[in-house]
N, C-alpha and C. Protein backbone atom coordinates (compact mmCIF):
# COMPACT_ATOMS: atom_id res chain seq x y z
N MET A 1 0.86 -1.16 0.00
CA MET A 1 0.00 0.00 0.00
C MET A 1 0.90 1.22 0.00
N ILE A 2 0.59 2.14 -0.89
CA ILE A 2 1.35 3.38 -1.00
C ILE A 2 0.44 4.51 -0.54
N TYR A 3 0.90 5.23 0.47
CA TYR A 3 0.11 6.32 1.03
C TYR A 3 0.51 7.62 0.32
N LYS A 4 -0.50 8.40 -0.05
CA LYS A 4 -0.25 9.66 -0.74
C LYS A 4 -1.02 10.77 -0.05
N GLY A 5 -0.40 11.96 -0.05
CA GLY A 5 -1.07 13.15 0.44
C GLY A 5 -0.87 13.36 1.92
N GLY A 6 -1.83 14.03 2.51
CA GLY A 6 -1.75 14.33 3.94
C GLY A 6 -1.45 15.78 4.21
N ASP A 7 -0.94 16.02 5.39
CA ASP A 7 -0.62 17.36 5.86
C ASP A 7 0.85 17.39 6.26
N LYS A 8 1.66 18.13 5.52
CA LYS A 8 3.11 18.12 5.77
C LYS A 8 3.48 18.66 7.16
N ASP A 9 2.57 19.38 7.80
CA ASP A 9 2.85 19.94 9.12
C ASP A 9 2.25 19.11 10.26
N TRP A 10 1.62 17.97 9.93
CA TRP A 10 0.93 17.17 10.95
C TRP A 10 1.84 16.80 12.11
N ALA A 11 3.02 16.32 11.83
CA ALA A 11 3.92 15.85 12.90
C ALA A 11 4.38 16.96 13.82
N THR A 12 4.45 18.18 13.32
CA THR A 12 4.93 19.28 14.16
C THR A 12 3.82 20.04 14.86
N LYS A 13 2.60 19.99 14.33
CA LYS A 13 1.52 20.77 14.94
C LYS A 13 0.51 19.94 15.73
N THR A 14 0.65 18.63 15.69
CA THR A 14 -0.30 17.75 16.38
C THR A 14 0.04 17.67 17.86
N PRO A 15 -0.94 17.87 18.74
CA PRO A 15 -0.69 17.74 20.18
C PRO A 15 -0.17 16.33 20.52
N LYS A 16 0.65 16.26 21.55
CA LYS A 16 1.29 15.00 21.95
C LYS A 16 0.27 13.88 22.20
N ALA A 17 -0.81 14.18 22.88
CA ALA A 17 -1.82 13.15 23.19
C ALA A 17 -2.46 12.60 21.91
N GLU A 18 -2.71 13.48 20.95
CA GLU A 18 -3.29 13.04 19.67
C GLU A 18 -2.29 12.19 18.89
N MET A 19 -1.03 12.58 18.93
CA MET A 19 0.04 11.82 18.27
C MET A 19 0.14 10.42 18.88
N GLU A 20 0.12 10.35 20.19
CA GLU A 20 0.19 9.05 20.88
C GLU A 20 -1.00 8.16 20.53
N ALA A 21 -2.18 8.76 20.46
CA ALA A 21 -3.39 8.00 20.10
C ALA A 21 -3.27 7.47 18.66
N ALA A 22 -2.74 8.30 17.78
CA ALA A 22 -2.55 7.87 16.38
C ALA A 22 -1.57 6.71 16.31
N MET A 23 -0.48 6.80 17.04
CA MET A 23 0.52 5.72 17.03
C MET A 23 -0.04 4.44 17.64
N GLN A 24 -0.92 4.58 18.61
CA GLN A 24 -1.56 3.41 19.21
C GLN A 24 -2.48 2.73 18.19
N ARG A 25 -3.24 3.53 17.41
CA ARG A 25 -4.10 2.96 16.36
C ARG A 25 -3.26 2.21 15.34
N TRP A 26 -2.12 2.78 14.95
CA TRP A 26 -1.24 2.11 13.99
C TRP A 26 -0.71 0.80 14.59
N GLY A 27 -0.30 0.84 15.83
CA GLY A 27 0.20 -0.37 16.49
C GLY A 27 -0.85 -1.47 16.55
N GLN A 28 -2.07 -1.10 16.88
CA GLN A 28 -3.16 -2.09 16.96
C GLN A 28 -3.46 -2.67 15.57
N TRP A 29 -3.48 -1.83 14.56
CA TRP A 29 -3.75 -2.29 13.21
C TRP A 29 -2.66 -3.25 12.74
N MET A 30 -1.42 -2.88 12.98
CA MET A 30 -0.31 -3.74 12.55
C MET A 30 -0.28 -5.04 13.34
N GLN A 31 -0.60 -4.98 14.61
CA GLN A 31 -0.65 -6.19 15.43
C GLN A 31 -1.73 -7.14 14.91
N ALA A 32 -2.90 -6.60 14.57
CA ALA A 32 -3.98 -7.43 14.04
C ALA A 32 -3.57 -8.07 12.72
N LEU A 33 -2.89 -7.33 11.86
CA LEU A 33 -2.41 -7.90 10.59
C LEU A 33 -1.34 -8.96 10.84
N THR A 34 -0.48 -8.73 11.81
CA THR A 34 0.56 -9.70 12.15
C THR A 34 -0.07 -11.01 12.62
N GLU A 35 -1.09 -10.91 13.46
CA GLU A 35 -1.76 -12.11 13.98
C GLU A 35 -2.43 -12.91 12.87
N LYS A 36 -2.82 -12.25 11.78
CA LYS A 36 -3.45 -12.92 10.65
C LYS A 36 -2.43 -13.29 9.56
N ASP A 37 -1.15 -13.05 9.84
CA ASP A 37 -0.06 -13.28 8.88
C ASP A 37 -0.28 -12.48 7.60
N GLN A 38 -0.76 -11.24 7.76
CA GLN A 38 -1.02 -10.38 6.61
C GLN A 38 -0.05 -9.21 6.51
N LEU A 39 0.81 -9.03 7.50
CA LEU A 39 1.74 -7.92 7.48
C LEU A 39 3.12 -8.42 7.08
N VAL A 40 3.63 -7.89 5.98
CA VAL A 40 4.99 -8.21 5.55
C VAL A 40 5.94 -7.22 6.21
N THR A 41 5.63 -5.93 6.09
CA THR A 41 6.36 -4.88 6.79
C THR A 41 5.44 -3.69 6.99
N GLY A 42 5.56 -3.09 8.16
CA GLY A 42 4.77 -1.89 8.44
C GLY A 42 5.19 -0.70 7.61
N GLY A 43 6.40 -0.78 7.03
CA GLY A 43 6.90 0.32 6.21
C GLY A 43 7.34 1.49 7.05
N SER A 44 7.30 2.64 6.46
CA SER A 44 7.74 3.86 7.13
C SER A 44 7.05 5.07 6.53
N PRO A 45 6.88 6.10 7.35
CA PRO A 45 6.43 7.37 6.77
C PRO A 45 7.63 7.99 6.05
N LEU A 46 7.35 8.77 5.03
CA LEU A 46 8.41 9.45 4.29
C LEU A 46 8.30 10.94 4.53
N GLU A 47 9.44 11.61 4.53
CA GLU A 47 9.46 13.07 4.69
C GLU A 47 8.81 13.72 3.47
N TYR A 48 8.37 14.93 3.63
CA TYR A 48 7.75 15.67 2.54
C TYR A 48 8.79 16.43 1.73
N THR A 49 10.06 16.14 1.95
CA THR A 49 11.14 16.78 1.21
C THR A 49 11.91 15.73 0.43
N GLY A 50 12.65 16.15 -0.54
CA GLY A 50 13.46 15.24 -1.32
C GLY A 50 13.71 15.82 -2.70
N LYS A 51 14.36 15.04 -3.53
CA LYS A 51 14.72 15.46 -4.88
C LYS A 51 14.34 14.38 -5.88
N ASN A 52 13.98 14.81 -7.07
CA ASN A 52 13.78 13.92 -8.20
C ASN A 52 15.02 14.02 -9.08
N LEU A 53 15.45 12.90 -9.61
CA LEU A 53 16.60 12.85 -10.50
C LEU A 53 16.19 12.16 -11.79
N THR A 54 16.43 12.81 -12.91
CA THR A 54 16.12 12.20 -14.19
C THR A 54 17.35 11.51 -14.74
N LYS A 55 17.15 10.70 -15.75
CA LYS A 55 18.24 9.99 -16.44
C LYS A 55 19.30 10.97 -16.94
N ASP A 56 18.85 12.16 -17.34
CA ASP A 56 19.76 13.18 -17.87
C ASP A 56 20.49 13.97 -16.79
N GLY A 57 20.25 13.62 -15.53
CA GLY A 57 20.93 14.30 -14.43
C GLY A 57 20.24 15.55 -13.94
N VAL A 58 19.03 15.82 -14.40
CA VAL A 58 18.29 17.00 -13.94
C VAL A 58 17.71 16.69 -12.57
N ILE A 59 17.98 17.58 -11.63
CA ILE A 59 17.51 17.41 -10.26
C ILE A 59 16.48 18.49 -9.97
N THR A 60 15.33 18.06 -9.46
CA THR A 60 14.29 19.01 -9.06
C THR A 60 13.86 18.71 -7.64
N ASP A 61 13.38 19.73 -6.98
CA ASP A 61 12.92 19.63 -5.59
C ASP A 61 11.49 19.11 -5.57
N ILE A 62 11.21 18.07 -4.81
CA ILE A 62 9.84 17.53 -4.78
C ILE A 62 8.89 18.40 -3.98
N THR A 63 9.39 19.36 -3.24
CA THR A 63 8.48 20.22 -2.48
C THR A 63 7.60 21.05 -3.41
N ALA A 64 7.97 21.11 -4.69
CA ALA A 64 7.13 21.80 -5.67
C ALA A 64 5.97 20.91 -6.12
N SER A 65 6.01 19.63 -5.77
CA SER A 65 4.96 18.70 -6.15
C SER A 65 3.69 19.00 -5.37
N GLU A 66 2.55 18.64 -5.95
CA GLU A 66 1.30 18.76 -5.23
C GLU A 66 1.28 17.71 -4.12
N ILE A 67 0.94 18.12 -2.91
CA ILE A 67 0.93 17.22 -1.76
C ILE A 67 0.08 15.99 -2.04
N LYS A 68 -1.08 16.16 -2.67
CA LYS A 68 -1.98 15.03 -2.90
C LYS A 68 -1.35 13.95 -3.77
N GLU A 69 -0.34 14.28 -4.55
CA GLU A 69 0.32 13.30 -5.41
C GLU A 69 1.62 12.76 -4.81
N LEU A 70 2.04 13.32 -3.70
CA LEU A 70 3.32 12.96 -3.09
C LEU A 70 3.19 11.67 -2.28
N VAL A 71 4.08 10.72 -2.54
CA VAL A 71 4.10 9.49 -1.75
C VAL A 71 4.65 9.84 -0.38
N THR A 72 3.86 9.53 0.66
CA THR A 72 4.25 9.93 2.01
C THR A 72 4.48 8.75 2.95
N GLY A 73 4.35 7.54 2.42
CA GLY A 73 4.63 6.36 3.24
C GLY A 73 4.17 5.10 2.53
N TYR A 74 4.44 3.98 3.19
CA TYR A 74 4.06 2.70 2.59
C TYR A 74 3.96 1.63 3.67
N SER A 75 3.27 0.58 3.36
CA SER A 75 3.23 -0.66 4.13
C SER A 75 3.12 -1.79 3.11
N ILE A 76 3.66 -2.93 3.44
CA ILE A 76 3.53 -4.09 2.57
C ILE A 76 2.71 -5.14 3.31
N ILE A 77 1.61 -5.52 2.67
CA ILE A 77 0.71 -6.50 3.27
C ILE A 77 0.66 -7.75 2.40
N ARG A 78 0.16 -8.81 2.97
CA ARG A 78 -0.04 -10.07 2.25
C ARG A 78 -1.55 -10.27 2.11
N ALA A 79 -2.01 -10.42 0.86
CA ALA A 79 -3.43 -10.64 0.60
C ALA A 79 -3.57 -11.72 -0.46
N GLU A 80 -4.66 -12.45 -0.36
CA GLU A 80 -4.92 -13.53 -1.33
C GLU A 80 -5.28 -12.98 -2.70
N ASP A 81 -5.93 -11.82 -2.73
CA ASP A 81 -6.33 -11.22 -4.00
C ASP A 81 -6.58 -9.72 -3.78
N PHE A 82 -6.92 -9.05 -4.86
CA PHE A 82 -7.12 -7.60 -4.79
C PHE A 82 -8.26 -7.23 -3.84
N ASP A 83 -9.34 -7.99 -3.87
CA ASP A 83 -10.47 -7.68 -2.99
C ASP A 83 -10.07 -7.74 -1.51
N GLN A 84 -9.27 -8.74 -1.15
CA GLN A 84 -8.81 -8.83 0.24
C GLN A 84 -7.89 -7.65 0.56
N ALA A 85 -7.05 -7.26 -0.38
CA ALA A 85 -6.17 -6.10 -0.16
C ALA A 85 -6.98 -4.84 0.08
N VAL A 86 -8.06 -4.68 -0.68
CA VAL A 86 -8.94 -3.52 -0.50
C VAL A 86 -9.57 -3.55 0.88
N SER A 87 -10.02 -4.72 1.30
CA SER A 87 -10.64 -4.87 2.62
C SER A 87 -9.66 -4.52 3.73
N ILE A 88 -8.43 -4.99 3.60
CA ILE A 88 -7.40 -4.67 4.59
C ILE A 88 -7.13 -3.17 4.60
N ALA A 89 -7.02 -2.58 3.43
CA ALA A 89 -6.70 -1.16 3.33
C ALA A 89 -7.79 -0.28 3.94
N LYS A 90 -9.04 -0.70 3.85
CA LYS A 90 -10.15 0.10 4.39
C LYS A 90 -10.02 0.32 5.89
N ASP A 91 -9.36 -0.61 6.59
CA ASP A 91 -9.18 -0.48 8.04
C ASP A 91 -7.91 0.26 8.42
N CYS A 92 -7.14 0.70 7.45
CA CYS A 92 -5.86 1.35 7.72
C CYS A 92 -6.07 2.66 8.47
N PRO A 93 -5.29 2.90 9.52
CA PRO A 93 -5.43 4.14 10.30
C PRO A 93 -5.07 5.40 9.52
N ILE A 94 -4.46 5.26 8.36
CA ILE A 94 -4.09 6.43 7.58
C ILE A 94 -5.31 7.27 7.22
N PHE A 95 -6.47 6.62 7.16
CA PHE A 95 -7.68 7.35 6.79
C PHE A 95 -8.20 8.24 7.92
N GLN A 96 -7.54 8.24 9.07
CA GLN A 96 -7.87 9.16 10.15
C GLN A 96 -7.37 10.57 9.83
N TYR A 97 -6.51 10.67 8.83
CA TYR A 97 -5.88 11.95 8.49
C TYR A 97 -6.56 12.53 7.24
N PRO A 98 -6.57 13.85 7.10
CA PRO A 98 -7.23 14.45 5.93
C PRO A 98 -6.40 14.30 4.66
N ASN A 99 -7.09 14.31 3.53
CA ASN A 99 -6.46 14.40 2.22
C ASN A 99 -5.50 13.25 1.90
N ILE A 100 -5.89 12.03 2.28
CA ILE A 100 -5.06 10.85 2.06
C ILE A 100 -5.71 9.94 1.02
N THR A 101 -4.88 9.37 0.18
CA THR A 101 -5.33 8.29 -0.68
C THR A 101 -4.36 7.12 -0.48
N VAL A 102 -4.84 5.93 -0.75
CA VAL A 102 -4.01 4.74 -0.62
C VAL A 102 -4.06 3.97 -1.93
N GLU A 103 -2.90 3.77 -2.50
CA GLU A 103 -2.80 2.90 -3.68
C GLU A 103 -2.53 1.49 -3.18
N ARG A 104 -3.25 0.55 -3.75
CA ARG A 104 -2.99 -0.86 -3.45
C ARG A 104 -2.45 -1.45 -4.72
N ARG A 105 -1.18 -1.85 -4.66
CA ARG A 105 -0.53 -2.38 -5.86
C ARG A 105 0.20 -3.67 -5.55
N PRO A 106 0.10 -4.63 -6.46
CA PRO A 106 0.81 -5.89 -6.23
C PRO A 106 2.31 -5.70 -6.43
N ILE A 107 3.08 -6.51 -5.73
CA ILE A 107 4.53 -6.53 -5.92
C ILE A 107 4.81 -7.53 -7.02
N HIS A 108 5.55 -7.11 -8.01
CA HIS A 108 5.88 -7.99 -9.13
C HIS A 108 6.88 -9.04 -8.66
N GLN A 109 6.50 -10.29 -8.80
CA GLN A 109 7.37 -11.39 -8.41
C GLN A 109 8.36 -11.67 -9.54
N MET A 110 9.63 -11.69 -9.22
CA MET A 110 10.67 -11.93 -10.23
C MET A 110 11.39 -13.23 -9.94
């Protein structure tokens, strides 16, 4: 699952109690997936800063990107099919935050 969007100032402006509650929801969700053998990795949140590099060596700042299109984190889950992946994603705590979308994409097996 690829998380996109959000609020780039959430981590700095969120009260400590709200942050702790959010982390608890994430922990509970990941624990439930672990118990069902559906969590491969919880992944990580990504910073809202960075650079894009093209083949030609052109470097651009991603902060110019629209937040709604910016990848802001990921998790890797195990699902039997796309429908199960959608069901798992619907319970993801990321939807507690505004302006978030979640892409569910299969990992290409090589």
